[in-house]
Amino acid sequence: MLTRLKAKSERKLAKQICKVVLDHFENQYSKELGDAWNTVRGVLTSPSCWQYAVLLNRFSFPFELEKDLHLKGYHSLFPESLPYYPKSMKCYLSRIPHRMPSERHQLGNLKKYYLLNAASLLPVLALDLRDGEKVLDLCAAPGGKSVALMQCAYPGYLHCNEYDTLRLRWLRETLESFIPQPLVNVIKVSELDGREMGDAWPETFDKVLVDAPCSNDRSWLFSSDPQKAACRINQRRNLPVLQIELLRSAIKALRPGGLLVYSTCTLSKAENQDVISEILNSYSNIMPVDIKEMARTCSQDFTFAPTGQECGLLVIPDKGKAWGPMYVAKLKKSWTT
């Protein structure tokens, strides 16, 4: 009976998969990922096996919930021995697919946890935020990475920018739900075109996160309108141009000696490695930062595909490790131009 119900559920979900997008991915990713694409495709097209991590909010810490998670077999996502892992960040996951209910936004009440794809914490950890630093989240909505940054350290100034008006509203609500009022004073929210931030705030920030607009493979695969999906396939080739422009702006906003992390939630080489290669080839004062050690220490919970870059990691969805896609690259701005 249960097997029949599961099969029926899978068939229902399969109907929602946009064939135009799947065919496009098949053509591209079978070449870029090789044999690994078969497993990745199986995970991406089976939402019933997706996993959700639980990031606890240190500003409204749910001690009882943490105990309950332990009792239910959840484990800490990252070993606390990692040199770049802040002890103030607590994130848990179950080895079996399970999603806790989302908390509703209530004005004046802080939420106790944030549900997220665990791979989205890797760009935050790569940024290695320290107390007192000035940090820019260039494309900040819906706000999960900004919330995660605040779990890591107490920045002297956090600038959250989002150009899209609807997504900006979502960002504000997320920050209100997780950050207490006194700390809101160190956060500025703006609605600028990210490509203009560098000119508006030149050499201002110690750290910059560019979680760029991208193909967003996981959600795009379930597009409800095939015609719109086909249109997006045509528009997709323009995304690397936008991503490079955002990175150029971020580099302007970064102080000499500062660190920049670029991330996307797509498998696409054109939006990932090729974008970073273009930046490294264009700037004599931008250096790659080796983050291979992060992949080695996180391999228990994530599956990584080769990128051919010491400064770039690509998390690919795998059986039992259904996280990603998530590409992360780390760069440093040197003092000389």
Protein backbone atom coordinates (compact mmCIF):
# COMPACT_ATOMS: atom_id res chain seq x y z
CA MET A 1 0.00 0.00 0.00
CA LEU A 2 2.74 2.46 1.05
CA THR A 3 4.74 1.56 -2.05
CA ARG A 4 1.72 2.30 -4.27
CA LEU A 5 1.11 5.63 -2.54
CA LYS A 6 4.78 6.62 -2.91
CA ALA A 7 4.74 5.64 -6.59
CA LYS A 8 1.56 7.69 -7.11
CA SER A 9 3.15 10.66 -5.32
CA GLU A 10 6.28 10.39 -7.47
CA ARG A 11 4.15 10.24 -10.65
CA LYS A 12 2.24 13.33 -9.56
CA LEU A 13 5.50 15.22 -8.92
CA ALA A 14 6.99 13.98 -12.18
CA LYS A 15 4.11 15.59 -14.07
CA GLN A 16 5.20 18.93 -12.69
CA ILE A 17 8.71 18.64 -14.14
CA CYS A 18 9.12 20.94 -17.12
CA LYS A 19 10.30 18.74 -19.99
CA VAL A 20 11.71 21.73 -21.93
CA VAL A 21 14.03 22.55 -19.02
CA LEU A 22 14.93 18.92 -18.29
CA ASP A 23 15.88 18.36 -21.94
CA HIS A 24 18.00 21.52 -21.86
CA PHE A 25 19.75 20.38 -18.67
CA GLU A 26 20.22 16.90 -20.12
CA ASN A 27 22.00 18.32 -23.13
CA GLN A 28 24.25 20.64 -21.12
CA TYR A 29 24.97 18.83 -17.88
CA SER A 30 25.54 15.37 -19.34
CA LYS A 31 28.53 16.98 -21.08
CA GLU A 32 29.69 19.11 -18.14
CA LEU A 33 29.21 16.56 -15.33
CA GLY A 34 29.63 13.29 -17.24
CA ASP A 35 28.35 10.18 -15.45
CA ALA A 36 27.58 12.17 -12.28
CA TRP A 37 24.66 13.85 -14.10
CA ASN A 38 22.56 10.65 -13.92
CA THR A 39 22.59 10.73 -10.11
CA VAL A 40 22.15 14.52 -9.97
CA ARG A 41 19.16 14.33 -12.31
CA GLY A 42 17.58 11.59 -10.17
CA VAL A 43 17.81 13.76 -7.04
CA LEU A 44 16.70 17.01 -8.70
CA THR A 45 13.61 15.37 -10.21
CA SER A 46 12.57 13.66 -6.94
CA PRO A 47 11.51 16.32 -4.41
CA SER A 48 10.49 13.57 -1.97
CA CYS A 49 14.20 12.89 -1.33
CA TRP A 50 15.21 16.55 -0.84
CA GLN A 51 16.60 17.47 2.56
CA TYR A 52 16.23 20.63 4.65
CA ALA A 53 18.70 21.83 7.25
CA VAL A 54 17.59 23.63 10.42
CA LEU A 55 19.63 26.75 11.24
CA LEU A 56 18.93 27.76 14.85
CA ASN A 57 18.62 31.46 15.64
CA ARG A 58 21.11 32.43 18.33
CA PHE A 59 19.08 35.56 19.13
CA SER A 60 16.07 33.47 20.19
CA PHE A 61 17.81 30.19 20.92
CA PRO A 62 15.44 27.21 21.11
CA PHE A 63 17.13 24.98 23.73
CA GLU A 64 14.15 22.59 23.86
CA LEU A 65 14.05 22.31 20.08
CA GLU A 66 17.78 21.51 20.02
CA LYS A 67 17.21 18.67 22.50
CA ASP A 68 14.27 17.43 20.44
CA LEU A 69 16.36 17.44 17.25
CA HIS A 70 19.01 15.32 18.98
CA LEU A 71 16.34 12.85 20.13
CA LYS A 72 14.99 12.61 16.57
CA GLY A 73 18.44 11.68 15.25
CA TYR A 74 19.44 15.06 13.79
CA HIS A 75 23.15 15.78 13.80
CA SER A 76 25.27 18.92 13.66
CA LEU A 77 25.97 19.81 10.05
CA PHE A 78 29.59 20.88 10.43
CA PRO A 79 32.25 19.47 12.77
CA GLU A 80 33.01 22.13 15.38
CA SER A 81 36.69 21.39 14.86
CA LEU A 82 36.65 23.18 11.49
CA PRO A 83 38.95 26.21 11.75
CA TYR A 84 36.48 28.51 9.98
CA TYR A 85 33.35 27.25 11.74
CA PRO A 86 31.99 29.75 14.28
CA LYS A 87 30.77 28.10 17.49
CA SER A 88 27.80 30.51 17.57
CA MET A 89 26.32 28.92 14.43
CA LYS A 90 24.17 25.85 15.08
CA CYS A 91 22.78 23.95 12.13
CA TYR A 92 21.21 20.48 12.22
CA LEU A 93 20.04 17.97 9.66
CA SER A 94 18.47 14.55 9.48
CA ARG A 95 20.03 11.80 7.40
CA ILE A 96 16.58 10.95 6.06
CA PRO A 97 14.47 13.46 4.06
CA HIS A 98 12.41 15.43 6.54
CA ARG A 99 11.09 18.98 6.58
CA MET A 100 10.10 20.75 9.75
CA PRO A 101 7.14 23.13 9.47
CA SER A 102 8.08 26.74 8.70
CA GLU A 103 7.41 29.35 11.38
CA ARG A 104 5.01 32.17 10.53
CA HIS A 105 6.20 35.77 10.56
CA GLN A 106 4.86 37.58 13.65
CA LEU A 107 5.74 41.22 14.20
CA GLY A 108 7.75 41.60 17.39
CA ASN A 109 8.47 37.87 17.80
CA LEU A 110 11.78 36.42 16.65
CA LYS A 111 11.73 33.10 14.85
CA LYS A 112 13.66 30.23 16.40
CA TYR A 113 14.95 28.56 13.23
CA TYR A 114 15.43 28.99 9.49
CA LEU A 115 14.98 26.13 7.01
CA LEU A 116 17.49 26.06 4.17
CA ASN A 117 19.50 24.04 1.70
CA ALA A 118 22.59 23.27 3.81
CA ALA A 119 24.94 24.00 0.89
CA SER A 120 23.88 27.65 1.04
CA LEU A 121 25.89 28.00 4.27
CA LEU A 122 29.17 27.27 2.48
CA PRO A 123 29.45 30.77 0.91
CA VAL A 124 28.77 32.26 4.35
CA LEU A 125 31.48 30.14 5.99
CA ALA A 126 33.90 30.86 3.15
CA LEU A 127 33.49 34.60 3.82
CA ASP A 128 34.90 33.99 7.34
CA LEU A 129 33.19 37.04 8.87
CA ARG A 130 34.75 38.48 12.04
CA ASP A 131 33.33 40.77 14.72
CA GLY A 132 33.46 44.45 13.79
CA GLU A 133 33.97 43.98 10.05
CA LYS A 134 32.03 45.86 7.39
CA VAL A 135 30.26 43.41 5.08
CA LEU A 136 28.13 43.78 1.94
CA ASP A 137 25.52 41.21 0.86
CA LEU A 138 25.10 42.51 -2.70
CA CYS A 139 22.08 40.41 -3.79
CA ALA A 140 20.61 39.72 -0.37
CA ALA A 141 16.99 38.54 -0.82
CA PRO A 142 15.36 36.46 0.52
CA GLY A 143 17.78 37.04 3.42
CA GLY A 144 18.90 33.56 4.47
CA LYS A 145 22.60 34.27 3.97
CA SER A 146 22.34 37.63 5.78
CA VAL A 147 20.70 35.82 8.71
CA ALA A 148 23.43 33.17 8.60
CA LEU A 149 26.14 35.86 8.59
CA MET A 150 24.64 37.29 11.78
CA GLN A 151 24.85 33.83 13.36
CA CYS A 152 28.60 33.81 12.69
CA ALA A 153 29.73 37.16 14.08
CA TYR A 154 28.71 40.67 15.13
CA PRO A 155 29.67 42.81 12.12
CA GLY A 156 30.37 46.48 12.65
CA TYR A 157 28.13 47.13 9.64
CA LEU A 158 26.05 44.82 7.43
CA HIS A 159 24.75 46.27 4.17
CA CYS A 160 21.99 44.16 2.57
CA ASN A 161 21.15 45.20 -0.97
CA GLU A 162 18.32 43.95 -3.20
CA TYR A 163 17.25 45.53 -6.49
CA ASP A 164 13.92 43.71 -6.93
CA THR A 165 11.11 45.48 -5.02
CA LEU A 166 9.09 42.34 -4.17
CA ARG A 167 12.17 40.44 -3.06
CA LEU A 168 13.25 43.49 -1.02
CA ARG A 169 10.01 43.22 1.00
CA TRP A 170 10.80 39.54 1.60
CA LEU A 171 14.32 40.46 2.73
CA ARG A 172 13.05 43.07 5.22
CA GLU A 173 10.57 40.58 6.67
CA THR A 174 13.29 37.92 7.05
CA LEU A 175 15.59 40.32 8.88
CA GLU A 176 12.74 41.46 11.17
CA SER A 177 11.96 37.82 11.95
CA PHE A 178 15.49 36.83 13.02
CA ILE A 179 17.48 39.88 14.15
CA PRO A 180 16.71 41.70 17.45
CA GLN A 181 16.06 45.42 17.38
CA PRO A 182 19.38 46.61 18.89
CA LEU A 183 21.34 44.78 16.17
CA VAL A 184 19.12 46.13 13.40
CA ASN A 185 20.99 49.41 13.93
CA VAL A 186 24.14 47.93 12.34
CA ILE A 187 22.17 46.74 9.30
CA LYS A 188 21.36 48.92 6.30
CA VAL A 189 18.94 47.73 3.62
CA SER A 190 19.10 49.32 0.17
CA GLU A 191 17.38 48.90 -3.20
CA LEU A 192 20.18 49.79 -5.61
CA ASP A 193 21.06 48.07 -8.84
CA GLY A 194 23.97 45.92 -7.64
CA ARG A 195 25.99 47.02 -10.65
CA GLU A 196 26.03 50.56 -9.18
CA MET A 197 27.08 49.66 -5.62
CA GLY A 198 30.80 49.88 -6.35
CA ASP A 199 30.53 53.48 -7.51
CA ALA A 200 28.21 54.38 -4.61
CA TRP A 201 30.42 52.74 -1.91
CA PRO A 202 34.00 52.57 -3.27
CA GLU A 203 36.55 50.55 -1.25
CA THR A 204 34.24 50.48 1.78
CA PHE A 205 33.83 46.82 2.78
CA ASP A 206 36.11 44.25 4.39
CA LYS A 207 34.03 41.38 2.99
CA VAL A 208 31.57 41.16 0.08
CA LEU A 209 29.16 38.33 -0.70
CA VAL A 210 27.81 38.11 -4.26
CA ASP A 211 25.08 35.45 -4.23
CA ALA A 212 24.30 36.22 -7.83
CA PRO A 213 21.06 35.92 -9.80
CA CYS A 214 21.41 32.63 -11.69
CA SER A 215 19.54 29.87 -13.48
CA ASN A 216 18.45 28.37 -10.12
CA ASP A 217 18.31 24.83 -11.52
CA ARG A 218 16.30 23.26 -8.71
CA SER A 219 13.27 25.57 -8.99
CA TRP A 220 13.56 26.17 -12.73
CA LEU A 221 13.12 22.45 -13.35
CA PHE A 222 9.56 22.76 -12.03
CA SER A 223 8.52 25.75 -14.16
CA SER A 224 4.76 25.64 -14.64
CA ASP A 225 4.79 27.47 -18.00
CA PRO A 226 6.80 25.70 -20.75
CA GLN A 227 6.69 28.79 -23.00
CA LYS A 228 8.18 30.99 -20.28
CA ALA A 229 10.74 28.27 -19.58
CA ALA A 230 11.76 28.20 -23.25
CA CYS A 231 12.09 31.99 -23.16
CA ARG A 232 14.30 31.74 -20.07
CA ILE A 233 16.55 29.26 -21.86
CA ASN A 234 17.21 31.95 -24.47
CA GLN A 235 17.75 34.59 -21.77
CA ARG A 236 20.05 32.28 -19.82
CA ARG A 237 23.04 33.04 -22.01
CA ASN A 238 22.87 36.68 -20.85
CA LEU A 239 23.24 35.79 -17.16
CA PRO A 240 27.06 35.54 -17.16
CA VAL A 241 27.23 39.13 -18.46
CA LEU A 242 25.13 40.33 -15.49
CA GLN A 243 27.12 38.18 -13.05
CA ILE A 244 30.42 39.61 -14.27
CA GLU A 245 29.07 43.15 -14.00
CA LEU A 246 27.94 42.47 -10.42
CA LEU A 247 31.38 41.11 -9.56
CA ARG A 248 33.08 44.17 -11.07
CA SER A 249 30.88 46.36 -8.89
CA ALA A 250 31.64 44.22 -5.83
CA ILE A 251 35.38 44.51 -6.47
CA LYS A 252 35.05 48.32 -6.54
CA ALA A 253 33.18 48.23 -3.22
CA LEU A 254 35.82 45.98 -1.61
CA ARG A 255 38.74 47.56 0.21
CA PRO A 256 42.29 46.47 -0.69
CA GLY A 257 43.10 43.36 1.31
CA GLY A 258 39.40 42.47 1.50
CA LEU A 259 37.75 39.14 0.62
CA LEU A 260 34.97 38.42 -1.87
CA VAL A 261 32.83 35.28 -2.15
CA TYR A 262 30.79 34.54 -5.28
CA SER A 263 28.03 31.92 -5.24
CA THR A 264 25.22 30.57 -7.39
CA CYS A 265 22.69 27.74 -7.11
CA THR A 266 23.26 26.42 -10.63
CA LEU A 267 25.47 23.67 -12.06
CA SER A 268 26.22 25.75 -15.16
CA LYS A 269 29.92 26.14 -15.92
CA ALA A 270 29.16 29.32 -17.91
CA GLU A 271 27.73 30.95 -14.76
CA ASN A 272 30.32 29.50 -12.40
CA GLN A 273 33.90 28.68 -13.39
CA ASP A 274 33.79 30.74 -16.59
CA VAL A 275 32.63 33.86 -14.75
CA ILE A 276 35.42 33.55 -12.17
CA SER A 277 38.01 32.85 -14.88
CA GLU A 278 36.93 36.01 -16.71
CA ILE A 279 37.35 38.07 -13.53
CA LEU A 280 40.76 36.57 -12.72
CA ASN A 281 41.93 37.22 -16.29
CA SER A 282 40.65 40.83 -16.19
CA TYR A 283 42.19 42.02 -12.90
CA SER A 284 45.84 41.96 -11.84
CA ASN A 285 44.85 42.82 -8.24
CA ILE A 286 42.29 40.02 -7.76
CA MET A 287 43.76 36.76 -6.49
CA PRO A 288 42.17 33.31 -6.08
CA VAL A 289 41.93 31.96 -2.52
CA ASP A 290 42.36 28.20 -2.16
CA ILE A 291 39.26 26.65 -0.50
CA LYS A 292 39.92 22.99 -1.30
CA GLU A 293 40.32 22.28 2.42
CA MET A 294 36.64 23.19 2.91
CA ALA A 295 35.65 20.44 0.48
CA ARG A 296 37.85 17.90 2.25
CA THR A 297 36.47 18.68 5.69
CA CYS A 298 32.83 18.80 4.53
CA SER A 299 32.86 15.70 2.33
CA GLN A 300 30.91 13.67 4.91
CA ASP A 301 27.82 15.81 4.31
CA PHE A 302 28.33 17.13 0.75
CA THR A 303 29.28 15.70 -2.64
CA PHE A 304 31.62 17.91 -4.66
CA ALA A 305 32.23 17.81 -8.42
CA PRO A 306 35.63 18.79 -9.84
CA THR A 307 35.79 22.45 -10.91
CA GLY A 308 39.38 22.67 -12.11
CA GLN A 309 39.80 25.63 -9.73
CA GLU A 310 41.49 25.80 -6.32
CA CYS A 311 39.31 28.80 -5.47
CA GLY A 312 36.01 27.22 -6.58
CA LEU A 313 33.80 24.42 -5.20
CA LEU A 314 30.67 22.88 -6.72
CA VAL A 315 28.23 20.97 -4.51
CA ILE A 316 26.13 18.53 -6.54
CA PRO A 317 22.97 16.78 -5.26
CA ASP A 318 23.61 13.12 -4.39
CA LYS A 319 21.66 10.24 -2.84
CA GLY A 320 21.54 10.81 0.91
CA LYS A 321 23.30 14.16 0.42
CA ALA A 322 20.61 15.99 -1.53
CA TRP A 323 22.22 19.42 -1.10
CA GLY A 324 22.97 21.89 -3.86
CA PRO A 325 23.52 22.79 -6.57
CA MET A 326 25.82 25.38 -5.02
CA TYR A 327 28.94 26.91 -6.52
CA VAL A 328 31.27 28.87 -4.23
CA ALA A 329 34.40 30.82 -5.21
CA LYS A 330 36.65 32.96 -3.01
CA LEU A 331 38.79 35.88 -4.19
CA LYS A 332 41.05 38.45 -2.52
CA LYS A 333 41.73 42.05 -3.55
CA SER A 334 45.43 42.78 -3.23
CA TRP A 335 46.91 46.13 -2.19
CA THR A 336 48.57 46.70 -5.55
CA THR A 337 46.64 47.51 -8.74
